[in-house]
Amino acid sequence: MLRVVWVPAAKAARRRRRRSAPAPAARVAGAWSDALERLDESGVVVRESMTGTDIAAAPDVTAARPPLTELAALANRSRFAPGGVSPATAAAAWVSADAVRGALQAGRTPLTRARVALHRSAPGVAVAGGLGSSLRLRVLRRGGAVPRAASPADR
């Protein structure tokens, strides 16, 4: 019974914390992480090797493709473009993240909405590269170590 209250409350608190982060770049990263969690809840497979553009072009995201494409572009610009991120860019990222969430929820039955509401997304989906992965999510949920790439020193 506690899960019925705790999981949705934890998701809302995490979303609120990301949306109100002090730095605009952190708010953009939070919007991207939120969208990745919504994709995970919807069963969309995101591989670690996928770029934001690859994720937006995946066949499973048809309904959410336009806002996800915009959000991926904002996240890429925020992370890789020179200069800072404006508060307007951060606000636009959250508009896109909210649109992704709405597009993924559209057409769901009440039972599916309840299942998704109780789905435990792994906090901090945005990994070092900023894209996250379903493998990493599964590993984090199981409490295991996250696999890392072999460095030249390991060879």
C-alpha atoms as a PDB file:
ATOM      1  CA  MET A   1       0.000   0.000   0.000  1.00  0.00           C
ATOM      2  CA  LEU A   2       2.888   2.332   0.750  1.00  0.00           C
ATOM      3  CA  ARG A   3       4.112   1.921  -2.847  1.00  0.00           C
ATOM      4  CA  VAL A   4       0.822   3.368  -4.172  1.00  0.00           C
ATOM      5  CA  VAL A   5       1.634   6.649  -2.432  1.00  0.00           C
ATOM      6  CA  TRP A   6       5.430   6.644  -2.316  1.00  0.00           C
ATOM      7  CA  VAL A   7       6.339   5.966  -5.971  1.00  0.00           C
ATOM      8  CA  PRO A   8       4.163   8.698  -7.548  1.00  0.00           C
ATOM      9  CA  ALA A   9       5.196  11.152  -4.795  1.00  0.00           C
ATOM     10  CA  ALA A  10       8.892  10.389  -5.342  1.00  0.00           C
ATOM     11  CA  LYS A  11       8.495  10.889  -9.099  1.00  0.00           C
ATOM     12  CA  ALA A  12       6.746  14.223  -8.589  1.00  0.00           C
ATOM     13  CA  ALA A  13       9.395  15.392  -6.119  1.00  0.00           C
ATOM     14  CA  ARG A  14      12.194  14.404  -8.512  1.00  0.00           C
ATOM     15  CA  ARG A  15      10.473  16.214 -11.398  1.00  0.00           C
ATOM     16  CA  ARG A  16       9.966  19.318  -9.221  1.00  0.00           C
ATOM     17  CA  ARG A  17      13.626  19.276  -8.105  1.00  0.00           C
ATOM     18  CA  ARG A  18      14.845  18.966 -11.693  1.00  0.00           C
ATOM     19  CA  ARG A  19      12.501  21.682 -12.940  1.00  0.00           C
ATOM     20  CA  SER A  20      13.646  24.134 -10.259  1.00  0.00           C
ATOM     21  CA  ALA A  21      17.396  23.444 -10.385  1.00  0.00           C
ATOM     22  CA  PRO A  22      19.397  26.650  -9.903  1.00  0.00           C
ATOM     23  CA  ALA A  23      21.349  26.452 -13.171  1.00  0.00           C
ATOM     24  CA  PRO A  24      19.528  26.548 -16.530  1.00  0.00           C
ATOM     25  CA  ALA A  25      21.850  23.818 -17.882  1.00  0.00           C
ATOM     26  CA  ALA A  26      20.830  21.568 -14.981  1.00  0.00           C
ATOM     27  CA  ARG A  27      17.156  22.254 -15.753  1.00  0.00           C
ATOM     28  CA  VAL A  28      17.704  21.212 -19.396  1.00  0.00           C
ATOM     29  CA  ALA A  29      19.505  18.050 -18.253  1.00  0.00           C
ATOM     30  CA  GLY A  30      16.643  17.404 -15.829  1.00  0.00           C
ATOM     31  CA  ALA A  31      14.076  17.737 -18.616  1.00  0.00           C
ATOM     32  CA  TRP A  32      16.045  15.235 -20.710  1.00  0.00           C
ATOM     33  CA  SER A  33      16.309  12.819 -17.756  1.00  0.00           C
ATOM     34  CA  ASP A  34      12.583  13.148 -17.124  1.00  0.00           C
ATOM     35  CA  ALA A  35      11.799  12.335 -20.767  1.00  0.00           C
ATOM     36  CA  LEU A  36      14.114   9.297 -20.636  1.00  0.00           C
ATOM     37  CA  GLU A  37      12.316   8.040 -17.533  1.00  0.00           C
ATOM     38  CA  ARG A  38       8.945   8.461 -19.248  1.00  0.00           C
ATOM     39  CA  LEU A  39      10.280   6.493 -22.255  1.00  0.00           C
ATOM     40  CA  ASP A  40      11.514   3.750 -19.925  1.00  0.00           C
ATOM     41  CA  GLU A  41       8.100   3.561 -18.267  1.00  0.00           C
ATOM     42  CA  SER A  42       6.541   3.182 -21.713  1.00  0.00           C
ATOM     43  CA  GLY A  43       8.815   0.265 -22.577  1.00  0.00           C
ATOM     44  CA  VAL A  44      10.944   2.130 -25.123  1.00  0.00           C
ATOM     45  CA  VAL A  45      14.369   0.515 -25.338  1.00  0.00           C
ATOM     46  CA  VAL A  46      17.169   3.083 -25.186  1.00  0.00           C
ATOM     47  CA  ARG A  47      20.656   1.731 -25.742  1.00  0.00           C
ATOM     48  CA  GLU A  48      23.698   3.482 -24.323  1.00  0.00           C
ATOM     49  CA  SER A  49      25.127   3.889 -27.821  1.00  0.00           C
ATOM     50  CA  MET A  50      22.083   5.897 -28.980  1.00  0.00           C
ATOM     51  CA  THR A  51      22.291   9.652 -29.398  1.00  0.00           C
ATOM     52  CA  GLY A  52      19.370  11.910 -28.569  1.00  0.00           C
ATOM     53  CA  THR A  53      18.553  12.054 -32.279  1.00  0.00           C
ATOM     54  CA  ASP A  54      18.606   8.243 -32.457  1.00  0.00           C
ATOM     55  CA  ILE A  55      16.248   8.007 -29.505  1.00  0.00           C
ATOM     56  CA  ALA A  56      13.821  10.492 -31.077  1.00  0.00           C
ATOM     57  CA  ALA A  57      13.897   8.532 -34.353  1.00  0.00           C
ATOM     58  CA  ALA A  58      13.198   5.156 -32.682  1.00  0.00           C
ATOM     59  CA  PRO A  59      10.066   3.431 -33.984  1.00  0.00           C
ATOM     60  CA  ASP A  60       8.554   3.158 -30.474  1.00  0.00           C
ATOM     61  CA  VAL A  61       8.330   6.932 -29.961  1.00  0.00           C
ATOM     62  CA  THR A  62       6.052   7.829 -32.884  1.00  0.00           C
ATOM     63  CA  ALA A  63       3.549   9.842 -30.839  1.00  0.00           C
ATOM     64  CA  ALA A  64       6.252  11.684 -28.895  1.00  0.00           C
ATOM     65  CA  ARG A  65       8.664  12.199 -31.817  1.00  0.00           C
ATOM     66  CA  PRO A  66       8.199  15.977 -32.441  1.00  0.00           C
ATOM     67  CA  PRO A  67       8.663  17.129 -28.818  1.00  0.00           C
ATOM     68  CA  LEU A  68      11.367  14.516 -28.202  1.00  0.00           C
ATOM     69  CA  THR A  69      13.290  15.694 -31.270  1.00  0.00           C
ATOM     70  CA  GLU A  70      13.109  19.292 -30.003  1.00  0.00           C
ATOM     71  CA  LEU A  71      14.162  18.245 -26.502  1.00  0.00           C
ATOM     72  CA  ALA A  72      17.098  16.201 -27.844  1.00  0.00           C
ATOM     73  CA  ALA A  73      18.289  19.230 -29.819  1.00  0.00           C
ATOM     74  CA  LEU A  74      18.021  21.468 -26.752  1.00  0.00           C
ATOM     75  CA  ALA A  75      19.859  18.940 -24.583  1.00  0.00           C
ATOM     76  CA  ASN A  76      22.630  18.580 -27.173  1.00  0.00           C
ATOM     77  CA  ARG A  77      23.010  22.353 -27.517  1.00  0.00           C
ATOM     78  CA  SER A  78      23.005  22.759 -23.757  1.00  0.00           C
ATOM     79  CA  ARG A  79      25.703  20.152 -23.304  1.00  0.00           C
ATOM     80  CA  PHE A  80      27.966  20.762 -26.289  1.00  0.00           C
ATOM     81  CA  ALA A  81      27.482  24.312 -27.611  1.00  0.00           C
ATOM     82  CA  PRO A  82      29.821  27.051 -26.420  1.00  0.00           C
ATOM     83  CA  GLY A  83      28.374  29.583 -24.016  1.00  0.00           C
ATOM     84  CA  GLY A  84      25.798  29.227 -21.318  1.00  0.00           C
ATOM     85  CA  VAL A  85      22.219  28.078 -21.388  1.00  0.00           C
ATOM     86  CA  SER A  86      19.545  30.741 -21.067  1.00  0.00           C
ATOM     87  CA  PRO A  87      16.564  30.423 -18.748  1.00  0.00           C
ATOM     88  CA  ALA A  88      14.361  30.565 -21.875  1.00  0.00           C
ATOM     89  CA  THR A  89      16.109  27.475 -23.246  1.00  0.00           C
ATOM     90  CA  ALA A  90      15.541  25.667 -19.942  1.00  0.00           C
ATOM     91  CA  ALA A  91      11.866  26.631 -20.013  1.00  0.00           C
ATOM     92  CA  ALA A  92      11.551  25.404 -23.616  1.00  0.00           C
ATOM     93  CA  ALA A  93      13.165  22.100 -22.614  1.00  0.00           C
ATOM     94  CA  TRP A  94      10.514  21.560 -19.941  1.00  0.00           C
ATOM     95  CA  VAL A  95       7.717  22.460 -22.358  1.00  0.00           C
ATOM     96  CA  SER A  96       9.080  19.726 -24.650  1.00  0.00           C
ATOM     97  CA  ALA A  97       9.488  17.249 -21.764  1.00  0.00           C
ATOM     98  CA  ASP A  98       5.890  17.866 -20.690  1.00  0.00           C
ATOM     99  CA  ALA A  99       4.759  17.343 -24.302  1.00  0.00           C
ATOM    100  CA  VAL A 100       6.675  14.036 -24.446  1.00  0.00           C
ATOM    101  CA  ARG A 101       4.977  12.937 -21.241  1.00  0.00           C
ATOM    102  CA  GLY A 102       1.547  13.933 -22.572  1.00  0.00           C
ATOM    103  CA  ALA A 103       2.099  12.217 -25.922  1.00  0.00           C
ATOM    104  CA  LEU A 104       3.153   8.992 -24.217  1.00  0.00           C
ATOM    105  CA  GLN A 105       0.106   9.090 -21.905  1.00  0.00           C
ATOM    106  CA  ALA A 106      -2.401   9.790 -24.670  1.00  0.00           C
ATOM    107  CA  GLY A 107      -4.572   6.797 -25.399  1.00  0.00           C
ATOM    108  CA  ARG A 108      -3.560   4.803 -22.333  1.00  0.00           C
ATOM    109  CA  THR A 109      -6.244   2.926 -20.485  1.00  0.00           C
ATOM    110  CA  PRO A 110      -6.778   3.735 -16.790  1.00  0.00           C
ATOM    111  CA  LEU A 111      -5.132   0.419 -15.875  1.00  0.00           C
ATOM    112  CA  THR A 112      -2.053   1.232 -17.966  1.00  0.00           C
ATOM    113  CA  ARG A 113      -1.861   4.717 -16.440  1.00  0.00           C
ATOM    114  CA  ALA A 114      -1.912   3.161 -12.963  1.00  0.00           C
ATOM    115  CA  ARG A 115       0.822   0.685 -13.912  1.00  0.00           C
ATOM    116  CA  VAL A 116       2.978   3.501 -15.279  1.00  0.00           C
ATOM    117  CA  ALA A 117       2.346   5.643 -12.186  1.00  0.00           C
ATOM    118  CA  LEU A 118       3.654   2.811 -10.000  1.00  0.00           C
ATOM    119  CA  HIS A 119       6.636   2.039 -12.248  1.00  0.00           C
ATOM    120  CA  ARG A 120       9.838   2.761 -10.368  1.00  0.00           C
ATOM    121  CA  SER A 121      12.142   4.723 -12.649  1.00  0.00           C
ATOM    122  CA  ALA A 122      15.771   4.773 -11.663  1.00  0.00           C
ATOM    123  CA  PRO A 123      16.757   8.214 -10.393  1.00  0.00           C
ATOM    124  CA  GLY A 124      19.518   9.936 -12.312  1.00  0.00           C
ATOM    125  CA  VAL A 125      18.865   8.337 -15.668  1.00  0.00           C
ATOM    126  CA  ALA A 126      21.126  10.852 -17.367  1.00  0.00           C
ATOM    127  CA  VAL A 127      24.480   9.095 -17.394  1.00  0.00           C
ATOM    128  CA  ALA A 128      27.837  10.721 -18.067  1.00  0.00           C
ATOM    129  CA  GLY A 129      27.033  11.040 -21.763  1.00  0.00           C
ATOM    130  CA  GLY A 130      23.652  12.499 -20.917  1.00  0.00           C
ATOM    131  CA  LEU A 131      21.591   9.882 -22.737  1.00  0.00           C
ATOM    132  CA  GLY A 132      20.952   7.049 -20.279  1.00  0.00           C
ATOM    133  CA  SER A 133      20.283   3.463 -21.216  1.00  0.00           C
ATOM    134  CA  SER A 134      17.796   0.735 -20.532  1.00  0.00           C
ATOM    135  CA  LEU A 135      20.665  -1.590 -19.569  1.00  0.00           C
ATOM    136  CA  ARG A 136      21.870   0.912 -16.986  1.00  0.00           C
ATOM    137  CA  LEU A 137      18.314   1.291 -15.672  1.00  0.00           C
ATOM    138  CA  ARG A 138      17.900  -2.465 -15.283  1.00  0.00           C
ATOM    139  CA  VAL A 139      21.277  -2.784 -13.557  1.00  0.00           C
ATOM    140  CA  LEU A 140      20.499   0.081 -11.168  1.00  0.00           C
ATOM    141  CA  ARG A 141      17.106  -1.416 -10.311  1.00  0.00           C
ATOM    142  CA  ARG A 142      18.726  -4.731  -9.457  1.00  0.00           C
ATOM    143  CA  GLY A 143      21.330  -2.984  -7.304  1.00  0.00           C
ATOM    144  CA  GLY A 144      24.257  -4.230  -9.338  1.00  0.00           C
ATOM    145  CA  ALA A 145      27.352  -2.510 -10.590  1.00  0.00           C
ATOM    146  CA  VAL A 146      27.063  -0.495 -13.768  1.00  0.00           C
ATOM    147  CA  PRO A 147      29.265  -1.953 -16.520  1.00  0.00           C
ATOM    148  CA  ARG A 148      32.006   0.340 -17.732  1.00  0.00           C
ATOM    149  CA  ALA A 149      33.952   0.410 -20.961  1.00  0.00           C
ATOM    150  CA  ALA A 150      37.420  -1.047 -20.871  1.00  0.00           C
ATOM    151  CA  SER A 151      40.140   1.580 -20.817  1.00  0.00           C
ATOM    152  CA  PRO A 152      43.427   1.206 -22.715  1.00  0.00           C
ATOM    153  CA  ALA A 153      45.115   0.481 -19.363  1.00  0.00           C
ATOM    154  CA  ASP A 154      42.870  -2.587 -18.916  1.00  0.00           C
ATOM    155  CA  ARG A 155      44.051  -4.214 -22.136  1.00  0.00           C
END
